[in-house]
Amino acid sequence: MQALASLLLQYWSKIEPALSKVLSPSEFKSIIIAHKGGLNTLIQWLVSHPDLVRVIKIILGKYVSL
């Protein structure tokens, strides 16, 4: 999860528009808060949202080889 969280932080500006389209408003708001909290907070968010990890990997896969 640390690697995924690091990639999210690194590519945030590129994937944020896609995330806003595929996540529910409450999920999007919570990932924004986690993003602002930094790496550890983002890792905790990913662990607590395992159903969304696959979606995030698909979006990130457009920018980086996972």
Protein backbone atom coordinates (compact mmCIF):
# COMPACT_ATOMS: atom_id res chain seq x y z
CA MET A 1 0.00 0.00 0.00
CA GLN A 2 2.92 2.33 0.62
CA ALA A 3 3.99 2.17 -3.02
CA LEU A 4 0.44 2.87 -4.19
CA ALA A 5 0.08 5.77 -1.77
CA SER A 6 3.39 7.21 -2.93
CA LEU A 7 2.26 7.02 -6.55
CA LEU A 8 -1.02 8.68 -5.65
CA LEU A 9 0.85 11.54 -4.07
CA GLN A 10 3.22 11.82 -7.02
CA TYR A 11 0.53 11.76 -9.72
CA TRP A 12 -2.25 13.44 -7.76
CA SER A 13 -2.72 16.41 -10.09
CA LYS A 14 -3.07 14.08 -13.08
CA ILE A 15 -5.49 11.60 -11.54
CA GLU A 16 -7.61 13.89 -9.37
CA PRO A 17 -10.06 14.70 -12.22
CA ALA A 18 -10.59 10.99 -12.95
CA LEU A 19 -11.06 10.21 -9.27
CA SER A 20 -13.69 12.92 -8.98
CA LYS A 21 -15.65 11.21 -11.76
CA VAL A 22 -15.49 7.62 -10.52
CA LEU A 23 -15.68 8.01 -6.76
CA SER A 24 -18.82 8.99 -4.91
CA PRO A 25 -18.80 12.54 -3.52
CA SER A 26 -18.18 11.27 0.01
CA GLU A 27 -15.37 8.94 -1.12
CA PHE A 28 -13.77 11.74 -3.12
CA LYS A 29 -13.96 14.12 -0.18
CA SER A 30 -12.40 11.53 2.12
CA ILE A 31 -9.51 10.81 -0.28
CA ILE A 32 -8.82 14.54 -0.60
CA ILE A 33 -8.59 14.77 3.18
CA ALA A 34 -6.29 11.72 3.23
CA HIS A 35 -4.16 13.25 0.46
CA LYS A 36 -3.74 16.44 2.47
CA GLY A 37 -2.75 14.33 5.50
CA GLY A 38 0.26 12.89 3.71
CA LEU A 39 1.64 9.43 3.08
CA ASN A 40 0.61 7.67 6.29
CA THR A 41 -2.92 9.04 6.18
CA LEU A 42 -3.26 8.03 2.55
CA ILE A 43 -2.03 4.50 3.36
CA GLN A 44 -4.66 4.26 6.12
CA TRP A 45 -7.32 5.44 3.68
CA LEU A 46 -6.33 2.79 1.13
CA VAL A 47 -6.37 0.05 3.77
CA SER A 48 -9.83 1.11 4.89
CA HIS A 49 -11.16 1.26 1.30
CA PRO A 50 -9.96 -2.02 -0.28
CA ASP A 51 -12.83 -2.00 -2.77
CA LEU A 52 -11.52 1.25 -4.28
CA VAL A 53 -7.87 0.19 -4.53
CA ARG A 54 -8.49 -1.64 -7.81
CA VAL A 55 -10.17 1.42 -9.34
CA ILE A 56 -7.28 3.63 -8.26
CA LYS A 57 -4.75 1.18 -9.71
CA ILE A 58 -6.58 1.24 -13.05
CA ILE A 59 -6.53 5.04 -13.12
CA LEU A 60 -2.86 5.18 -12.08
CA GLY A 61 -2.02 2.55 -14.71
CA LYS A 62 -2.65 5.16 -17.38
CA TYR A 63 0.34 7.14 -16.08
CA VAL A 64 2.70 4.58 -14.59
CA SER A 65 3.41 0.88 -14.97
CA LEU A 66 2.12 -0.89 -11.85
